[in-house]
Amino acid sequence: ARAFSSYHMGWFRRVPGKEREFVAAISWSGGS
């Protein structure tokens, strides 16, 4: 991405047979 620093970023995971679930996220600033 251009302007990567403006994007929130997240990690999710999926186990076969289940929905994708939230793991972790970080705000665009990295402050949260």
Full PDB file with SEQRES, HELIX, SHEET, SSBOND, CRYST1, ORIGX, SCALE, CONECT and MASTER records, all heavy atoms in Angstrom:
SEQRES   1 A   32  ALA ARG ALA PHE SER SER TYR HIS MET GLY TRP PHE ARG          
SEQRES   2 A   32  ARG VAL PRO GLY LYS GLU ARG GLU PHE VAL ALA ALA ILE          
SEQRES   3 A   32  SER TRP SER GLY GLY SER                                      
HELIX    1 AA1 PHE A    4  SER A    6  5                                   3    
SHEET    1 AA1 2 MET A   9  ARG A  13  0                                        
SHEET    2 AA1 2 GLU A  21  ILE A  26 -1                                        
CRYST1    1.000    1.000    1.000  90.00  90.00  90.00 P 1           1          
ORIGX1      1.000000  0.000000  0.000000        0.00000                         
ORIGX2      0.000000  1.000000  0.000000        0.00000                         
ORIGX3      0.000000  0.000000  1.000000        0.00000                         
SCALE1      1.000000  0.000000  0.000000        0.00000                         
SCALE2      0.000000  1.000000  0.000000        0.00000                         
SCALE3      0.000000  0.000000  1.000000        0.00000                         
ATOM      1  N   ALA A   1       0.801  -1.230   0.000  1.00  0.00           N  
ATOM      2  CA  ALA A   1       0.000   0.000   0.000  1.00  0.00           C  
ATOM      3  C   ALA A   1       0.830   1.275   0.000  1.00  0.00           C  
ATOM      4  O   ALA A   1       1.829   1.366   0.718  1.00  0.00           O  
ATOM      5  CB  ALA A   1      -0.906   0.011   1.220  1.00  0.00           C  
ATOM      6  N   ARG A   2       0.355   2.263  -0.776  1.00  0.00           N  
ATOM      7  CA  ARG A   2       0.859   3.616  -0.615  1.00  0.00           C  
ATOM      8  C   ARG A   2       0.263   4.144   0.680  1.00  0.00           C  
ATOM      9  O   ARG A   2      -0.826   3.798   1.058  1.00  0.00           O  
ATOM     10  CB  ARG A   2       0.415   4.496  -1.765  1.00  0.00           C  
ATOM     11  CG  ARG A   2       1.087   4.175  -3.071  1.00  0.00           C  
ATOM     12  CD  ARG A   2       0.640   5.157  -4.133  1.00  0.00           C  
ATOM     13  NE  ARG A   2       1.313   4.916  -5.401  1.00  0.00           N  
ATOM     14  CZ  ARG A   2       1.135   5.658  -6.483  1.00  0.00           C  
ATOM     15  NH1 ARG A   2       0.309   6.694  -6.436  1.00  0.00           N  
ATOM     16  NH2 ARG A   2       1.773   5.380  -7.592  1.00  0.00           N  
ATOM     17  N   ALA A   3       0.974   5.009   1.327  1.00  0.00           N  
ATOM     18  CA  ALA A   3       0.481   5.575   2.591  1.00  0.00           C  
ATOM     19  C   ALA A   3       0.105   4.471   3.571  1.00  0.00           C  
ATOM     20  O   ALA A   3      -0.953   4.529   4.205  1.00  0.00           O  
ATOM     21  CB  ALA A   3      -0.714   6.497   2.346  1.00  0.00           C  
ATOM     22  N   PHE A   4       0.968   3.479   3.666  1.00  0.00           N  
ATOM     23  CA  PHE A   4       0.712   2.346   4.568  1.00  0.00           C  
ATOM     24  C   PHE A   4       0.404   2.823   5.978  1.00  0.00           C  
ATOM     25  O   PHE A   4      -0.405   2.219   6.679  1.00  0.00           O  
ATOM     26  CB  PHE A   4       1.936   1.429   4.570  1.00  0.00           C  
ATOM     27  CG  PHE A   4       1.888   0.338   5.599  1.00  0.00           C  
ATOM     28  CD1 PHE A   4       1.056  -0.758   5.420  1.00  0.00           C  
ATOM     29  CD2 PHE A   4       2.664   0.393   6.745  1.00  0.00           C  
ATOM     30  CE1 PHE A   4       1.004  -1.770   6.359  1.00  0.00           C  
ATOM     31  CE2 PHE A   4       2.622  -0.612   7.693  1.00  0.00           C  
ATOM     32  CZ  PHE A   4       1.795  -1.692   7.496  1.00  0.00           C  
ATOM     33  N   SER A   5       1.032   3.902   6.393  1.00  0.00           N  
ATOM     34  CA  SER A   5       0.863   4.381   7.756  1.00  0.00           C  
ATOM     35  C   SER A   5      -0.545   4.883   8.036  1.00  0.00           C  
ATOM     36  O   SER A   5      -0.886   5.162   9.184  1.00  0.00           O  
ATOM     37  CB  SER A   5       1.874   5.488   8.059  1.00  0.00           C  
ATOM     38  OG  SER A   5       1.689   6.577   7.180  1.00  0.00           O  
ATOM     39  N   SER A   6      -1.381   4.995   7.017  1.00  0.00           N  
ATOM     40  CA  SER A   6      -2.753   5.428   7.223  1.00  0.00           C  
ATOM     41  C   SER A   6      -3.722   4.259   7.396  1.00  0.00           C  
ATOM     42  O   SER A   6      -4.921   4.474   7.585  1.00  0.00           O  
ATOM     43  CB  SER A   6      -3.214   6.307   6.053  1.00  0.00           C  
ATOM     44  OG  SER A   6      -3.300   5.548   4.868  1.00  0.00           O  
ATOM     45  N   TYR A   7      -3.218   3.039   7.332  1.00  0.00           N  
ATOM     46  CA  TYR A   7      -4.060   1.848   7.430  1.00  0.00           C  
ATOM     47  C   TYR A   7      -4.042   1.238   8.829  1.00  0.00           C  
ATOM     48  O   TYR A   7      -2.986   1.069   9.434  1.00  0.00           O  
ATOM     49  CB  TYR A   7      -3.596   0.785   6.441  1.00  0.00           C  
ATOM     50  CG  TYR A   7      -3.957   1.083   5.014  1.00  0.00           C  
ATOM     51  CD1 TYR A   7      -3.169   1.928   4.248  1.00  0.00           C  
ATOM     52  CD2 TYR A   7      -5.086   0.506   4.437  1.00  0.00           C  
ATOM     53  CE1 TYR A   7      -3.501   2.213   2.933  1.00  0.00           C  
ATOM     54  CE2 TYR A   7      -5.420   0.785   3.119  1.00  0.00           C  
ATOM     55  CZ  TYR A   7      -4.630   1.631   2.378  1.00  0.00           C  
ATOM     56  OH  TYR A   7      -4.969   1.906   1.076  1.00  0.00           O  
ATOM     57  N   HIS A   8      -5.234   0.888   9.299  1.00  0.00           N  
ATOM     58  CA  HIS A   8      -5.325  -0.010  10.448  1.00  0.00           C  
ATOM     59  C   HIS A   8      -4.951  -1.404   9.950  1.00  0.00           C  
ATOM     60  O   HIS A   8      -5.290  -1.776   8.828  1.00  0.00           O  
ATOM     61  CB  HIS A   8      -6.758  -0.077  10.990  1.00  0.00           C  
ATOM     62  CG  HIS A   8      -7.352   1.254  11.294  1.00  0.00           C  
ATOM     63  ND1 HIS A   8      -6.816   2.115  12.218  1.00  0.00           N  
ATOM     64  CD2 HIS A   8      -8.466   1.866  10.802  1.00  0.00           C  
ATOM     65  CE1 HIS A   8      -7.573   3.203  12.290  1.00  0.00           C  
ATOM     66  NE2 HIS A   8      -8.573   3.080  11.443  1.00  0.00           N  
ATOM     67  N   MET A   9      -4.324  -2.187  10.792  1.00  0.00           N  
ATOM     68  CA  MET A   9      -3.923  -3.531  10.405  1.00  0.00           C  
ATOM     69  C   MET A   9      -4.433  -4.545  11.421  1.00  0.00           C  
ATOM     70  O   MET A   9      -4.422  -4.290  12.625  1.00  0.00           O  
ATOM     71  CB  MET A   9      -2.398  -3.621  10.312  1.00  0.00           C  
ATOM     72  CG  MET A   9      -1.773  -2.664   9.301  1.00  0.00           C  
ATOM     73  SD  MET A   9      -2.323  -2.953   7.615  1.00  0.00           S  
ATOM     74  CE  MET A   9      -1.685  -4.603   7.320  1.00  0.00           C  
ATOM     75  N   GLY A  10      -4.846  -5.696  10.899  1.00  0.00           N  
ATOM     76  CA  GLY A  10      -5.363  -6.726  11.796  1.00  0.00           C  
ATOM     77  C   GLY A  10      -4.841  -8.102  11.423  1.00  0.00           C  
ATOM     78  O   GLY A  10      -4.399  -8.343  10.301  1.00  0.00           O  
ATOM     79  N   TRP A  11      -4.896  -8.997  12.401  1.00  0.00           N  
ATOM     80  CA  TRP A  11      -4.614 -10.424  12.189  1.00  0.00           C  
ATOM     81  C   TRP A  11      -5.871 -11.200  12.585  1.00  0.00           C  
ATOM     82  O   TRP A  11      -6.434 -10.969  13.662  1.00  0.00           O  
ATOM     83  CB  TRP A  11      -3.441 -10.905  13.029  1.00  0.00           C  
ATOM     84  CG  TRP A  11      -2.090 -10.468  12.528  1.00  0.00           C  
ATOM     85  CD1 TRP A  11      -1.355  -9.406  12.964  1.00  0.00           C  
ATOM     86  CD2 TRP A  11      -1.310 -11.105  11.507  1.00  0.00           C  
ATOM     87  NE1 TRP A  11      -0.173  -9.330  12.273  1.00  0.00           N  
ATOM     88  CE2 TRP A  11      -0.112 -10.371  11.382  1.00  0.00           C  
ATOM     89  CE3 TRP A  11      -1.490 -12.227  10.689  1.00  0.00           C  
ATOM     90  CZ2 TRP A  11       0.887 -10.706  10.475  1.00  0.00           C  
ATOM     91  CZ3 TRP A  11      -0.505 -12.565   9.785  1.00  0.00           C  
ATOM     92  CH2 TRP A  11       0.676 -11.798   9.673  1.00  0.00           C  
ATOM     93  N   PHE A  12      -6.248 -12.123  11.719  1.00  0.00           N  
ATOM     94  CA  PHE A  12      -7.366 -13.018  11.972  1.00  0.00           C  
ATOM     95  C   PHE A  12      -6.881 -14.443  11.731  1.00  0.00           C  
ATOM     96  O   PHE A  12      -5.830 -14.658  11.132  1.00  0.00           O  
ATOM     97  CB  PHE A  12      -8.536 -12.707  11.027  1.00  0.00           C  
ATOM     98  CG  PHE A  12      -9.226 -11.403  11.338  1.00  0.00           C  
ATOM     99  CD1 PHE A  12      -8.642 -10.188  11.012  1.00  0.00           C  
ATOM    100  CD2 PHE A  12     -10.464 -11.394  11.958  1.00  0.00           C  
ATOM    101  CE1 PHE A  12      -9.266  -8.988  11.313  1.00  0.00           C  
ATOM    102  CE2 PHE A  12     -11.107 -10.200  12.262  1.00  0.00           C  
ATOM    103  CZ  PHE A  12     -10.501  -9.001  11.934  1.00  0.00           C  
ATOM    104  N   ARG A  13      -7.655 -15.413  12.187  1.00  0.00           N  
ATOM    105  CA  ARG A  13      -7.297 -16.813  11.921  1.00  0.00           C  
ATOM    106  C   ARG A  13      -8.548 -17.628  11.657  1.00  0.00           C  
ATOM    107  O   ARG A  13      -9.647 -17.278  12.094  1.00  0.00           O  
ATOM    108  CB  ARG A  13      -6.497 -17.402  13.088  1.00  0.00           C  
ATOM    109  CG  ARG A  13      -7.263 -17.507  14.407  1.00  0.00           C  
ATOM    110  CD  ARG A  13      -6.315 -17.915  15.528  1.00  0.00           C  
ATOM    111  NE  ARG A  13      -7.016 -18.047  16.802  1.00  0.00           N  
ATOM    112  CZ  ARG A  13      -6.392 -18.249  17.961  1.00  0.00           C  
ATOM    113  NH1 ARG A  13      -5.062 -18.357  18.008  1.00  0.00           N  
ATOM    114  NH2 ARG A  13      -7.100 -18.354  19.070  1.00  0.00           N  
ATOM    115  N   ARG A  14      -8.335 -18.718  10.942  1.00  0.00           N  
ATOM    116  CA  ARG A  14      -9.465 -19.583  10.613  1.00  0.00           C  
ATOM    117  C   ARG A  14      -9.066 -21.040  10.766  1.00  0.00           C  
ATOM    118  O   ARG A  14      -8.038 -21.487  10.251  1.00  0.00           O  
ATOM    119  CB  ARG A  14      -9.944 -19.339   9.188  1.00  0.00           C  
ATOM    120  CG  ARG A  14     -11.198 -20.108   8.820  1.00  0.00           C  
ATOM    121  CD  ARG A  14     -11.678 -19.732   7.435  1.00  0.00           C  
ATOM    122  NE  ARG A  14     -10.698 -20.111   6.409  1.00  0.00           N  
ATOM    123  CZ  ARG A  14     -10.591 -21.306   5.879  1.00  0.00           C  
ATOM    124  NH1 ARG A  14     -11.391 -22.276   6.284  1.00  0.00           N  
ATOM    125  NH2 ARG A  14      -9.686 -21.543   4.943  1.00  0.00           N  
ATOM    126  N   VAL A  15      -9.908 -21.753  11.482  1.00  0.00           N  
ATOM    127  CA  VAL A  15      -9.784 -23.205  11.625  1.00  0.00           C  
ATOM    128  C   VAL A  15     -10.781 -23.830  10.655  1.00  0.00           C  
ATOM    129  O   VAL A  15     -11.905 -23.329  10.534  1.00  0.00           O  
ATOM    130  CB  VAL A  15     -10.087 -23.632  13.068  1.00  0.00           C  
ATOM    131  CG1 VAL A  15     -10.088 -25.141  13.191  1.00  0.00           C  
ATOM    132  CG2 VAL A  15      -9.080 -23.010  14.028  1.00  0.00           C  
ATOM    133  N   PRO A  16     -10.418 -24.903   9.960  1.00  0.00           N  
ATOM    134  CA  PRO A  16     -11.362 -25.533   9.028  1.00  0.00           C  
ATOM    135  C   PRO A  16     -12.702 -25.815   9.686  1.00  0.00           C  
ATOM    136  O   PRO A  16     -12.760 -26.344  10.802  1.00  0.00           O  
ATOM    137  CB  PRO A  16     -10.645 -26.828   8.628  1.00  0.00           C  
ATOM    138  CG  PRO A  16      -9.205 -26.497   8.750  1.00  0.00           C  
ATOM    139  CD  PRO A  16      -9.095 -25.571   9.931  1.00  0.00           C  
ATOM    140  N   GLY A  17     -13.767 -25.430   8.997  1.00  0.00           N  
ATOM    141  CA  GLY A  17     -15.099 -25.671   9.520  1.00  0.00           C  
ATOM    142  C   GLY A  17     -15.631 -24.573  10.412  1.00  0.00           C  
ATOM    143  O   GLY A  17     -16.780 -24.630  10.857  1.00  0.00           O  
ATOM    144  N   LYS A  18     -14.792 -23.562  10.670  1.00  0.00           N  
ATOM    145  CA  LYS A  18     -15.214 -22.459  11.528  1.00  0.00           C  
ATOM    146  C   LYS A  18     -15.017 -21.139  10.791  1.00  0.00           C  
ATOM    147  O   LYS A  18     -14.285 -21.047   9.814  1.00  0.00           O  
ATOM    148  CB  LYS A  18     -14.425 -22.453  12.835  1.00  0.00           C  
ATOM    149  CG  LYS A  18     -14.644 -23.693  13.682  1.00  0.00           C  
ATOM    150  CD  LYS A  18     -13.864 -23.621  14.984  1.00  0.00           C  
ATOM    151  CE  LYS A  18     -14.410 -22.581  15.916  1.00  0.00           C  
ATOM    152  NZ  LYS A  18     -13.733 -22.587  17.230  1.00  0.00           N  
ATOM    153  N   GLU A  19     -15.689 -20.103  11.304  1.00  0.00           N  
ATOM    154  CA  GLU A  19     -15.538 -18.790  10.703  1.00  0.00           C  
ATOM    155  C   GLU A  19     -14.193 -18.161  11.076  1.00  0.00           C  
ATOM    156  O   GLU A  19     -13.604 -18.518  12.102  1.00  0.00           O  
ATOM    157  CB  GLU A  19     -16.672 -17.875  11.180  1.00  0.00           C  
ATOM    158  CG  GLU A  19     -18.039 -18.250  10.634  1.00  0.00           C  
ATOM    159  CD  GLU A  19     -19.097 -17.215  10.956  1.00  0.00           C  
ATOM    160  OE1 GLU A  19     -18.771 -16.222  11.625  1.00  0.00           O  
ATOM    161  OE2 GLU A  19     -20.249 -17.408  10.529  1.00  0.00           O  
ATOM    162  N   ARG A  20     -13.770 -17.221  10.267  1.00  0.00           N  
ATOM    163  CA  ARG A  20     -12.565 -16.475  10.560  1.00  0.00           C  
ATOM    164  C   ARG A  20     -12.775 -15.686  11.852  1.00  0.00           C  
ATOM    165  O   ARG A  20     -13.825 -15.071  12.049  1.00  0.00           O  
ATOM    166  CB  ARG A  20     -12.253 -15.528   9.394  1.00  0.00           C  
ATOM    167  CG  ARG A  20     -10.834 -15.116   9.270  1.00  0.00           C  
ATOM    168  CD  ARG A  20     -10.609 -14.383   7.959  1.00  0.00           C  
ATOM    169  NE  ARG A  20     -10.820 -15.245   6.797  1.00  0.00           N  
ATOM    170  CZ  ARG A  20     -10.437 -14.926   5.572  1.00  0.00           C  
ATOM    171  NH1 ARG A  20      -9.845 -13.751   5.352  1.00  0.00           N  
ATOM    172  NH2 ARG A  20     -10.670 -15.733   4.566  1.00  0.00           N  
ATOM    173  N   GLU A  21     -11.776 -15.698  12.741  1.00  0.00           N  
ATOM    174  CA  GLU A  21     -11.930 -15.012  14.017  1.00  0.00           C  
ATOM    175  C   GLU A  21     -10.797 -14.021  14.252  1.00  0.00           C  
ATOM    176  O   GLU A  21      -9.673 -14.204  13.773  1.00  0.00           O  
ATOM    177  CB  GLU A  21     -11.975 -16.020  15.173  1.00  0.00           C  
ATOM    178  CG  GLU A  21     -10.705 -16.822  15.362  1.00  0.00           C  
ATOM    179  CD  GLU A  21     -10.813 -17.792  16.530  1.00  0.00           C  
ATOM    180  OE1 GLU A  21     -11.931 -18.139  16.937  1.00  0.00           O  
ATOM    181  OE2 GLU A  21      -9.739 -18.205  17.029  1.00  0.00           O  
ATOM    182  N   PHE A  22     -11.134 -13.005  15.016  1.00  0.00           N  
ATOM    183  CA  PHE A  22     -10.183 -11.946  15.322  1.00  0.00           C  
ATOM    184  C   PHE A  22      -9.083 -12.422  16.247  1.00  0.00           C  
ATOM    185  O   PHE A  22      -9.333 -13.180  17.186  1.00  0.00           O  
ATOM    186  CB  PHE A  22     -10.939 -10.780  15.979  1.00  0.00           C  
ATOM    187  CG  PHE A  22     -10.059  -9.683  16.506  1.00  0.00           C  
ATOM    188  CD1 PHE A  22      -9.405  -8.831  15.636  1.00  0.00           C  
ATOM    189  CD2 PHE A  22      -9.884  -9.500  17.873  1.00  0.00           C  
ATOM    190  CE1 PHE A  22      -8.600  -7.813  16.114  1.00  0.00           C  
ATOM    191  CE2 PHE A  22      -9.089  -8.487  18.365  1.00  0.00           C  
ATOM    192  CZ  PHE A  22      -8.440  -7.642  17.483  1.00  0.00           C  
ATOM    193  N   VAL A  23      -7.858 -11.961  15.970  1.00  0.00           N  
ATOM    194  CA  VAL A  23      -6.722 -12.271  16.835  1.00  0.00           C  
ATOM    195  C   VAL A  23      -6.161 -10.995  17.460  1.00  0.00           C  
ATOM    196  O   VAL A  23      -6.073 -10.874  18.680  1.00  0.00           O  
ATOM    197  CB  VAL A  23      -5.609 -12.993  16.055  1.00  0.00           C  
ATOM    198  CG1 VAL A  23      -4.382 -13.218  16.945  1.00  0.00           C  
ATOM    199  CG2 VAL A  23      -6.110 -14.313  15.493  1.00  0.00           C  
ATOM    200  N   ALA A  24      -5.782 -10.042  16.596  1.00  0.00           N  
ATOM    201  CA  ALA A  24      -5.161  -8.815  17.103  1.00  0.00           C  
ATOM    202  C   ALA A  24      -5.274  -7.723  16.045  1.00  0.00           C  
ATOM    203  O   ALA A  24      -5.431  -8.018  14.860  1.00  0.00           O  
ATOM    204  CB  ALA A  24      -3.692  -9.049  17.454  1.00  0.00           C  
ATOM    205  N   ALA A  25      -5.171  -6.465  16.475  1.00  0.00           N  
ATOM    206  CA  ALA A  25      -5.190  -5.339  15.555  1.00  0.00           C  
ATOM    207  C   ALA A  25      -4.356  -4.201  16.112  1.00  0.00           C  
ATOM    208  O   ALA A  25      -4.135  -4.111  17.329  1.00  0.00           O  
ATOM    209  CB  ALA A  25      -6.625  -4.873  15.299  1.00  0.00           C  
ATOM    210  N   ILE A  26      -3.921  -3.338  15.195  1.00  0.00           N  
ATOM    211  CA  ILE A  26      -3.138  -2.173  15.589  1.00  0.00           C  
ATOM    212  C   ILE A  26      -3.643  -0.976  14.787  1.00  0.00           C  
ATOM    213  O   ILE A  26      -3.940  -1.089  13.599  1.00  0.00           O  
ATOM    214  CB  ILE A  26      -1.629  -2.420  15.366  1.00  0.00           C  
ATOM    215  CG1 ILE A  26      -0.796  -1.278  15.936  1.00  0.00           C  
ATOM    216  CG2 ILE A  26      -1.313  -2.675  13.900  1.00  0.00           C  
ATOM    217  CD1 ILE A  26       0.687  -1.631  16.051  1.00  0.00           C  
ATOM    218  N   SER A  27      -3.787   0.143  15.454  1.00  0.00           N  
ATOM    219  CA  SER A  27      -4.296   1.337  14.795  1.00  0.00           C  
ATOM    220  C   SER A  27      -3.293   1.891  13.799  1.00  0.00           C  
ATOM    221  O   SER A  27      -2.111   1.521  13.802  1.00  0.00           O  
ATOM    222  CB  SER A  27      -4.632   2.406  15.849  1.00  0.00           C  
ATOM    223  OG  SER A  27      -3.437   2.803  16.527  1.00  0.00           O  
ATOM    224  N   TRP A  28      -3.752   2.814  12.945  1.00  0.00           N  
ATOM    225  CA  TRP A  28      -2.879   3.383  11.921  1.00  0.00           C  
ATOM    226  C   TRP A  28      -1.663   4.060  12.544  1.00  0.00           C  
ATOM    227  O   TRP A  28      -0.561   4.028  11.981  1.00  0.00           O  
ATOM    228  CB  TRP A  28      -3.649   4.378  11.055  1.00  0.00           C  
ATOM    229  CG  TRP A  28      -4.143   5.572  11.804  1.00  0.00           C  
ATOM    230  CD1 TRP A  28      -5.339   5.712  12.460  1.00  0.00           C  
ATOM    231  CD2 TRP A  28      -3.445   6.806  12.006  1.00  0.00           C  
ATOM    232  NE1 TRP A  28      -5.413   6.942  13.048  1.00  0.00           N  
ATOM    233  CE2 TRP A  28      -4.278   7.636  12.781  1.00  0.00           C  
ATOM    234  CE3 TRP A  28      -2.196   7.288  11.593  1.00  0.00           C  
ATOM    235  CZ2 TRP A  28      -3.889   8.924  13.151  1.00  0.00           C  
ATOM    236  CZ3 TRP A  28      -1.815   8.566  11.955  1.00  0.00           C  
ATOM    237  CH2 TRP A  28      -2.665   9.358  12.734  1.00  0.00           C  
ATOM    238  N   SER A  29      -1.833   4.630  13.720  1.00  0.00           N  
ATOM    239  CA  SER A  29      -0.729   5.339  14.363  1.00  0.00           C  
ATOM    240  C   SER A  29       0.187   4.407  15.141  1.00  0.00           C  
ATOM    241  O   SER A  29       1.285   4.793  15.537  1.00  0.00           O  
ATOM    242  CB  SER A  29      -1.283   6.386  15.319  1.00  0.00           C  
ATOM    243  OG  SER A  29      -1.926   5.753  16.412  1.00  0.00           O  
ATOM    244  N   GLY A  30      -0.287   3.190  15.370  1.00  0.00           N  
ATOM    245  CA  GLY A  30       0.467   2.272  16.213  1.00  0.00           C  
ATOM    246  C   GLY A  30       0.262   2.531  17.687  1.00  0.00           C  
ATOM    247  O   GLY A  30       0.788   1.804  18.529  1.00  0.00           O  
ATOM    248  N   GLY A  31      -0.541   3.528  18.007  1.00  0.00           N  
ATOM    249  CA  GLY A  31      -0.722   3.897  19.396  1.00  0.00           C  
ATOM    250  C   GLY A  31      -1.708   3.042  20.160  1.00  0.00           C  
ATOM    251  O   GLY A  31      -1.736   3.074  21.386  1.00  0.00           O  
ATOM    252  N   SER A  32      -2.525   2.283  19.427  1.00  0.00           N  
ATOM    253  CA  SER A  32      -3.519   1.423  20.077  1.00  0.00           C  
ATOM    254  C   SER A  32      -3.419   0.017  19.521  1.00  0.00           C  
ATOM    255  O   SER A  32      -3.294  -0.165  18.314  1.00  0.00           O  
ATOM    256  CB  SER A  32      -4.931   1.955  19.842  1.00  0.00           C  
ATOM    257  OG  SER A  32      -5.086   3.237  20.397  1.00  0.00           O  
TER     258      SER A  32                                                      
MASTER        0    0    0    1    2    0    0    6  257    1    0    3          
END                                                                             
